[in-house]
């Protein structure tokens, strides 16, 4: 009995020592906690943040140029393969798969179909030796989100094609096509797409109403640290949120790469701030505005590390979050 009492007294004294001075050890972080990024969605579903994706078939008679702007005349495009992929993506099967992507894993749609989207009923031919290799130049969001990794194997296994994907910001994806290195593009920057058409780099695919085939969309989201020092979550809209970030000089990661996301971001800053695509335009604003010149996944990782705000497409953010902040 005495031994039991002594043990109990010793235990009480040990607990008292642990509590001495009001200091307590913080609970150990679990592995699950360590894999949850602090970066979170703070503003979404704003009309200013709709993000539309468009397919364009590259014109085989386009005025192709090399990286130095000199004309290139020996370009050979796989127009038949490009048409096959476009028609499949715009078929009932392809569009339904795109719309359903992510629902099982995230409980919500990552992409939505436009009401006025084109739908293809064209017959899709099997690949031949001459048409098997298709070159797709596209934005990082449909790649980093996993959408292409989900869609393309289904298309390829059914029809025998092999798709080479060049993934970059929309500006770079379009530049790649202008050099003759792509048979089709899938991008999300209307003004750049319209310029691509006006310069003769796209053509109207048979059965389609125009060169630009806009068929799906999602939303850009404004993300940042969970403690939200700029008060973004309480802002009336995304324009007010961007104004708060600029006024407080809170760290912001810009794609800075001429991508569709970068173009959208530039349109959301207060005009008086004068931030444009030119580096000189934000040089005087201090180190709060960080132009990364990198893809969406890499920029999300940077925002997490720097406790910074960032504009991203929702699909890539959900993938980033589900992967524990690893891209």
Protein backbone atom coordinates (compact mmCIF):
# COMPACT_ATOMS: atom_id res chain seq x y z
CA UNK A 1 0.00 0.00 0.00
CA UNK A 2 2.80 2.40 0.93
CA UNK A 3 4.52 1.62 -2.38
CA UNK A 4 1.31 2.46 -4.29
CA UNK A 5 0.90 5.79 -2.45
CA UNK A 6 4.54 6.65 -3.11
CA UNK A 7 4.12 5.96 -6.81
CA UNK A 8 1.02 8.12 -6.96
CA UNK A 9 2.80 10.98 -5.14
CA UNK A 10 5.71 10.71 -7.52
CA UNK A 11 3.35 10.89 -10.49
CA UNK A 12 1.62 13.97 -9.07
CA UNK A 13 4.98 15.68 -8.52
CA UNK A 14 6.06 14.85 -12.07
CA UNK A 15 2.89 16.38 -13.51
CA UNK A 16 3.36 19.46 -11.36
CA UNK A 17 6.91 19.88 -12.61
CA UNK A 18 5.70 19.64 -16.23
CA UNK A 19 3.21 22.42 -15.57
CA UNK A 20 5.69 24.63 -13.67
CA UNK A 21 5.76 28.24 -14.85
CA UNK A 22 2.63 27.69 -16.94
CA UNK A 23 4.73 26.22 -19.78
CA UNK A 24 3.41 23.17 -21.54
CA UNK A 25 4.83 21.19 -24.38
CA UNK A 26 3.00 21.71 -27.69
CA UNK A 27 1.30 18.60 -29.01
CA UNK A 28 3.47 16.76 -31.47
CA UNK A 29 2.54 17.40 -35.10
CA UNK A 30 1.15 14.32 -36.74
CA UNK A 31 2.23 13.14 -40.17
CA UNK A 32 -1.23 14.07 -41.47
CA UNK A 33 -0.86 17.64 -40.13
CA UNK A 34 2.54 17.97 -41.78
CA UNK A 35 1.02 17.08 -45.16
CA UNK A 36 -1.71 19.72 -45.09
CA UNK A 37 -0.58 22.95 -46.80
CA UNK A 38 -1.33 26.18 -45.00
CA UNK A 39 -2.14 27.89 -48.30
CA UNK A 40 -5.90 27.87 -48.77
CA UNK A 41 -8.63 29.29 -51.01
CA UNK A 42 -9.71 32.71 -49.75
CA UNK A 43 -11.73 34.11 -52.65
CA UNK A 44 -13.54 32.22 -55.42
CA UNK A 45 -16.62 32.07 -57.68
CA UNK A 46 -16.26 35.75 -58.58
CA UNK A 47 -17.48 36.72 -62.06
CA UNK A 48 -14.06 38.28 -62.68
CA UNK A 49 -12.41 34.87 -62.17
CA UNK A 50 -13.98 32.67 -64.86
CA UNK A 51 -11.27 30.71 -66.70
CA UNK A 52 -12.22 29.44 -70.18
CA UNK A 53 -10.24 26.80 -72.11
CA UNK A 54 -10.03 26.81 -75.90
CA UNK A 55 -8.81 24.38 -78.56
CA UNK A 56 -7.23 25.60 -81.80
CA UNK A 57 -5.96 23.55 -84.73
CA UNK A 58 -2.65 24.87 -86.06
CA UNK A 59 -2.76 25.99 -89.69
CA UNK A 60 -0.26 24.03 -91.84
CA UNK A 61 0.10 27.14 -94.06
CA UNK A 62 0.84 29.50 -91.17
CA UNK A 63 3.78 31.95 -91.31
CA UNK A 64 5.98 29.93 -88.94
CA UNK A 65 9.08 31.53 -87.44
CA UNK A 66 11.99 30.31 -85.36
CA UNK A 67 13.00 31.62 -81.93
CA UNK A 68 14.76 34.57 -83.57
CA UNK A 69 11.72 35.52 -85.65
CA UNK A 70 13.15 34.28 -88.96
CA UNK A 71 10.75 32.45 -91.32
CA UNK A 72 10.64 28.64 -91.18
CA UNK A 73 9.53 26.78 -94.29
CA UNK A 74 10.11 23.09 -93.54
CA UNK A 75 7.27 22.60 -91.01
CA UNK A 76 5.24 19.40 -91.29
CA UNK A 77 2.06 19.20 -89.22
CA UNK A 78 -0.09 16.21 -88.37
CA UNK A 79 -3.41 17.83 -89.24
CA UNK A 80 -5.24 14.49 -89.35
CA UNK A 81 -4.02 13.55 -85.87
CA UNK A 82 -4.86 17.00 -84.51
CA UNK A 83 -8.37 16.77 -85.96
CA UNK A 84 -8.82 13.31 -84.41
CA UNK A 85 -7.83 14.53 -80.94
CA UNK A 86 -9.93 17.70 -81.15
CA UNK A 87 -12.98 15.80 -82.36
CA UNK A 88 -12.57 13.27 -79.54
CA UNK A 89 -12.16 15.96 -76.89
CA UNK A 90 -15.30 17.65 -78.21
CA UNK A 91 -17.26 14.41 -78.54
CA UNK A 92 -19.90 13.44 -76.01
CA UNK A 93 -17.44 10.91 -74.56
CA UNK A 94 -14.52 13.32 -74.26
CA UNK A 95 -16.57 16.18 -72.84
CA UNK A 96 -18.30 13.94 -70.30
CA UNK A 97 -14.96 12.61 -69.08
CA UNK A 98 -13.59 16.15 -68.69
CA UNK A 99 -16.67 17.25 -66.77
CA UNK A 100 -16.51 14.26 -64.41
CA UNK A 101 -12.77 14.52 -63.76
CA UNK A 102 -11.97 15.00 -60.07
CA UNK A 103 -15.50 14.60 -58.71
CA UNK A 104 -14.77 11.21 -57.14
CA UNK A 105 -11.55 12.43 -55.51
CA UNK A 106 -12.49 15.99 -54.53
CA UNK A 107 -16.27 15.90 -54.23
CA UNK A 108 -16.65 18.72 -56.74
CA UNK A 109 -16.10 19.45 -60.40
CA UNK A 110 -12.67 20.69 -61.43
CA UNK A 111 -13.89 21.66 -64.91
CA UNK A 112 -17.31 22.62 -66.25
CA UNK A 113 -18.69 22.45 -69.80
CA UNK A 114 -19.81 25.69 -71.46
CA UNK A 115 -23.48 25.79 -72.41
CA UNK A 116 -22.60 27.06 -75.90
CA UNK A 117 -19.69 24.67 -76.43
CA UNK A 118 -19.14 22.97 -79.79
CA UNK A 119 -19.89 19.23 -79.82
CA UNK A 120 -18.32 17.00 -82.45
CA UNK A 121 -20.08 14.04 -84.02
CA UNK A 122 -17.26 13.41 -86.51
CA UNK A 123 -16.02 9.88 -87.00
CA UNK A 124 -12.58 9.48 -85.44
CA UNK A 125 -10.16 7.40 -87.53
CA UNK A 126 -7.69 4.93 -86.11
CA UNK A 127 -4.07 6.06 -86.14
CA UNK A 128 -1.74 5.15 -88.97
CA UNK A 129 2.04 5.22 -89.03
CA UNK A 130 1.85 8.69 -90.61
CA UNK A 131 -0.71 10.13 -88.18
CA UNK A 132 0.17 8.35 -84.91
CA UNK A 133 2.28 11.10 -83.27
CA UNK A 134 0.32 14.19 -82.20
CA UNK A 135 2.00 17.25 -80.66
CA UNK A 136 -0.16 19.16 -78.18
CA UNK A 137 1.03 22.52 -76.86
CA UNK A 138 -0.91 23.50 -73.77
CA UNK A 139 -1.11 25.44 -70.55
CA UNK A 140 0.21 24.03 -67.28
CA UNK A 141 -3.18 24.03 -65.56
CA UNK A 142 -4.68 21.18 -67.60
CA UNK A 143 -1.44 19.26 -67.10
CA UNK A 144 -0.67 20.02 -63.43
CA UNK A 145 -4.30 19.34 -62.49
CA UNK A 146 -3.98 15.82 -63.89
CA UNK A 147 -6.71 16.30 -66.51
CA UNK A 148 -4.54 15.38 -69.49
CA UNK A 149 -3.11 12.41 -67.64
CA UNK A 150 -6.68 11.23 -67.20
CA UNK A 151 -8.01 11.93 -70.72
CA UNK A 152 -5.17 11.15 -73.11
CA UNK A 153 -4.61 7.48 -72.17
CA UNK A 154 -8.29 6.80 -72.91
CA UNK A 155 -8.05 8.45 -76.33
CA UNK A 156 -4.76 6.76 -77.15
CA UNK A 157 -5.83 3.26 -76.13
CA UNK A 158 -9.05 3.54 -78.13
CA UNK A 159 -7.58 4.94 -81.35
CA UNK A 160 -3.87 4.11 -81.28
CA UNK A 161 -2.42 7.62 -81.19
CA UNK A 162 0.56 8.86 -79.13
CA UNK A 163 0.33 12.40 -77.79
CA UNK A 164 3.43 14.45 -76.97
CA UNK A 165 2.52 17.21 -74.52
CA UNK A 166 4.42 20.49 -74.29
CA UNK A 167 3.17 22.18 -71.12
CA UNK A 168 3.96 25.82 -70.35
CA UNK A 169 2.20 29.12 -69.75
CA UNK A 170 -0.23 30.06 -72.52
CA UNK A 171 2.20 32.62 -73.98
CA UNK A 172 4.95 30.03 -74.29
CA UNK A 173 2.54 27.35 -75.48
CA UNK A 174 1.39 29.64 -78.29
CA UNK A 175 4.96 30.65 -79.14
CA UNK A 176 5.84 26.97 -79.42
CA UNK A 177 3.03 26.49 -81.95
CA UNK A 178 4.14 29.56 -83.91
CA UNK A 179 7.50 27.86 -84.41
CA UNK A 180 5.76 24.86 -85.94
CA UNK A 181 6.27 22.60 -82.93
CA UNK A 182 2.61 21.77 -82.28
CA UNK A 183 -0.33 20.35 -84.22
CA UNK A 184 -2.92 21.84 -81.88
CA UNK A 185 -3.08 24.01 -78.78
CA UNK A 186 -5.27 24.02 -75.67
CA UNK A 187 -4.96 27.36 -73.86
CA UNK A 188 -6.89 29.91 -71.79
CA UNK A 189 -6.13 33.51 -72.74
CA UNK A 190 -8.71 35.00 -75.13
CA UNK A 191 -6.68 37.98 -76.37
CA UNK A 192 -3.66 35.83 -77.14
CA UNK A 193 -5.87 33.25 -78.87
CA UNK A 194 -7.49 35.96 -81.01
CA UNK A 195 -4.07 37.27 -81.99
CA UNK A 196 -3.00 33.72 -82.90
CA UNK A 197 -6.02 33.49 -85.22
CA UNK A 198 -5.55 37.00 -86.68
CA UNK A 199 -1.92 36.22 -87.53
CA UNK A 200 -2.97 33.18 -89.59
CA UNK A 201 -1.83 30.40 -87.23
CA UNK A 202 -5.20 28.67 -86.86
CA UNK A 203 -7.89 27.45 -89.23
CA UNK A 204 -11.54 26.40 -88.99
CA UNK A 205 -11.72 22.65 -88.49
CA UNK A 206 -14.38 20.95 -90.59
CA UNK A 207 -17.71 20.96 -88.77
CA UNK A 208 -16.69 23.68 -86.32
CA UNK A 209 -18.11 27.24 -86.29
CA UNK A 210 -14.79 29.08 -85.88
CA UNK A 211 -11.06 28.69 -85.25
CA UNK A 212 -11.48 29.09 -81.49
CA UNK A 213 -13.31 26.12 -79.94
CA UNK A 214 -14.02 27.19 -76.36
CA UNK A 215 -15.66 24.29 -74.58
CA UNK A 216 -14.90 24.14 -70.86
CA UNK A 217 -14.11 26.42 -67.96
CA UNK A 218 -13.31 26.56 -64.30
CA UNK A 219 -12.55 29.38 -61.91
CA UNK A 220 -9.42 31.12 -60.88
CA UNK A 221 -9.14 31.29 -57.10
CA UNK A 222 -7.21 33.70 -54.93
CA UNK A 223 -5.26 31.72 -52.34
CA UNK A 224 -3.02 32.67 -49.47
CA UNK A 225 -1.96 31.92 -45.89
CA UNK A 226 -4.72 30.72 -43.58
CA UNK A 227 -4.28 33.69 -41.22
CA UNK A 228 -5.02 36.00 -44.22
CA UNK A 229 -3.21 39.17 -43.07
CA UNK A 230 -4.64 41.21 -45.98
CA UNK A 231 -8.23 40.34 -45.09
CA UNK A 232 -8.86 38.88 -48.54
CA UNK A 233 -11.60 36.56 -47.33
CA UNK A 234 -13.70 39.48 -46.08
CA UNK A 235 -13.23 41.63 -49.19
CA UNK A 236 -16.39 42.46 -51.13
CA UNK A 237 -14.94 41.03 -54.34
CA UNK A 238 -11.66 39.95 -55.88
CA UNK A 239 -10.81 43.48 -57.07
CA UNK A 240 -11.03 44.78 -53.50
CA UNK A 241 -8.97 41.79 -52.36
CA UNK A 242 -6.16 42.61 -54.79
CA UNK A 243 -6.29 46.26 -53.68
CA UNK A 244 -5.85 45.17 -50.04
CA UNK A 245 -2.83 43.03 -50.92
CA UNK A 246 -1.19 45.91 -52.80
CA UNK A 247 -1.91 48.52 -50.13
CA UNK A 248 -0.49 46.33 -47.38
CA UNK A 249 2.41 45.13 -49.54
CA UNK A 250 1.75 41.54 -48.57
CA UNK A 251 3.86 38.95 -50.42
CA UNK A 252 2.33 37.91 -53.75
CA UNK A 253 3.62 35.28 -56.18
CA UNK A 254 2.99 36.12 -59.83
CA UNK A 255 3.40 33.54 -62.58
CA UNK A 256 5.22 36.26 -64.54
CA UNK A 257 5.36 34.01 -67.61
CA UNK A 258 2.79 35.41 -70.01
CA UNK A 259 0.41 32.57 -69.16
CA UNK A 260 -3.37 32.84 -69.07
CA UNK A 261 -3.19 32.97 -65.28
CA UNK A 262 -0.62 35.77 -65.45
CA UNK A 263 -2.80 37.72 -67.91
CA UNK A 264 -5.81 37.39 -65.62
CA UNK A 265 -3.80 38.48 -62.58
CA UNK A 266 -2.61 41.65 -64.34
CA UNK A 267 -6.22 42.60 -65.03
CA UNK A 268 -7.14 42.39 -61.33
CA UNK A 269 -4.66 44.88 -59.85
CA UNK A 270 -5.79 48.50 -59.36
CA UNK A 271 -4.98 50.31 -62.61
CA UNK A 272 -3.20 53.10 -60.72
CA UNK A 273 -0.68 50.59 -59.43
CA UNK A 274 0.71 50.24 -62.94
CA UNK A 275 1.66 46.56 -62.80
CA UNK A 276 1.99 45.12 -66.30
CA UNK A 277 3.79 42.25 -67.96
CA UNK A 278 6.97 44.35 -68.11
CA UNK A 279 9.34 43.83 -65.17
CA UNK A 280 10.04 47.58 -64.97
CA UNK A 281 6.41 48.23 -64.07
CA UNK A 282 6.66 46.62 -60.63
CA UNK A 283 10.33 47.21 -59.86
CA UNK A 284 9.56 50.12 -57.54
CA UNK A 285 7.06 48.26 -55.37
CA UNK A 286 9.62 46.53 -53.20
CA UNK A 287 10.04 42.83 -52.67
CA UNK A 288 6.38 42.04 -51.93
CA UNK A 289 5.60 41.36 -55.63
CA UNK A 290 7.54 38.31 -56.78
CA UNK A 291 7.55 37.50 -60.50
CA UNK A 292 8.46 33.81 -60.66
CA UNK A 293 8.41 33.09 -64.42
CA UNK A 294 7.36 29.53 -63.56
CA UNK A 295 4.49 27.08 -63.93
CA UNK A 296 1.44 26.95 -61.70
CA UNK A 297 2.58 24.02 -59.58
CA UNK A 298 5.98 25.52 -58.88
CA UNK A 299 4.39 28.87 -57.98
CA UNK A 300 1.99 27.24 -55.51
CA UNK A 301 4.93 25.57 -53.78
CA UNK A 302 6.67 28.96 -53.62
CA UNK A 303 3.58 30.63 -52.16
CA UNK A 304 3.39 27.98 -49.46
CA UNK A 305 7.05 28.45 -48.57
CA UNK A 306 6.86 32.27 -48.50
CA UNK A 307 3.47 32.61 -46.77
CA UNK A 308 2.30 34.52 -49.84
CA UNK A 309 -0.86 35.18 -51.82
CA UNK A 310 -1.31 33.71 -55.30
CA UNK A 311 -3.86 33.50 -58.13
CA UNK A 312 -4.31 29.97 -59.49
CA UNK A 313 -6.84 27.86 -61.32
CA UNK A 314 -8.88 25.85 -58.85
CA UNK A 315 -8.14 22.48 -60.44
CA UNK A 316 -4.39 22.82 -59.94
CA UNK A 317 -4.85 24.11 -56.38
CA UNK A 318 -7.01 21.12 -55.41
CA UNK A 319 -4.39 18.79 -56.83
CA UNK A 320 -1.65 20.68 -54.95
CA UNK A 321 -3.60 20.43 -51.70
CA UNK A 322 -4.42 16.75 -52.16
CA UNK A 323 -0.73 16.04 -52.80
CA UNK A 324 0.25 17.63 -49.49
CA UNK A 325 1.78 20.69 -51.13
CA UNK A 326 4.01 18.68 -53.46
CA UNK A 327 3.86 19.15 -57.23
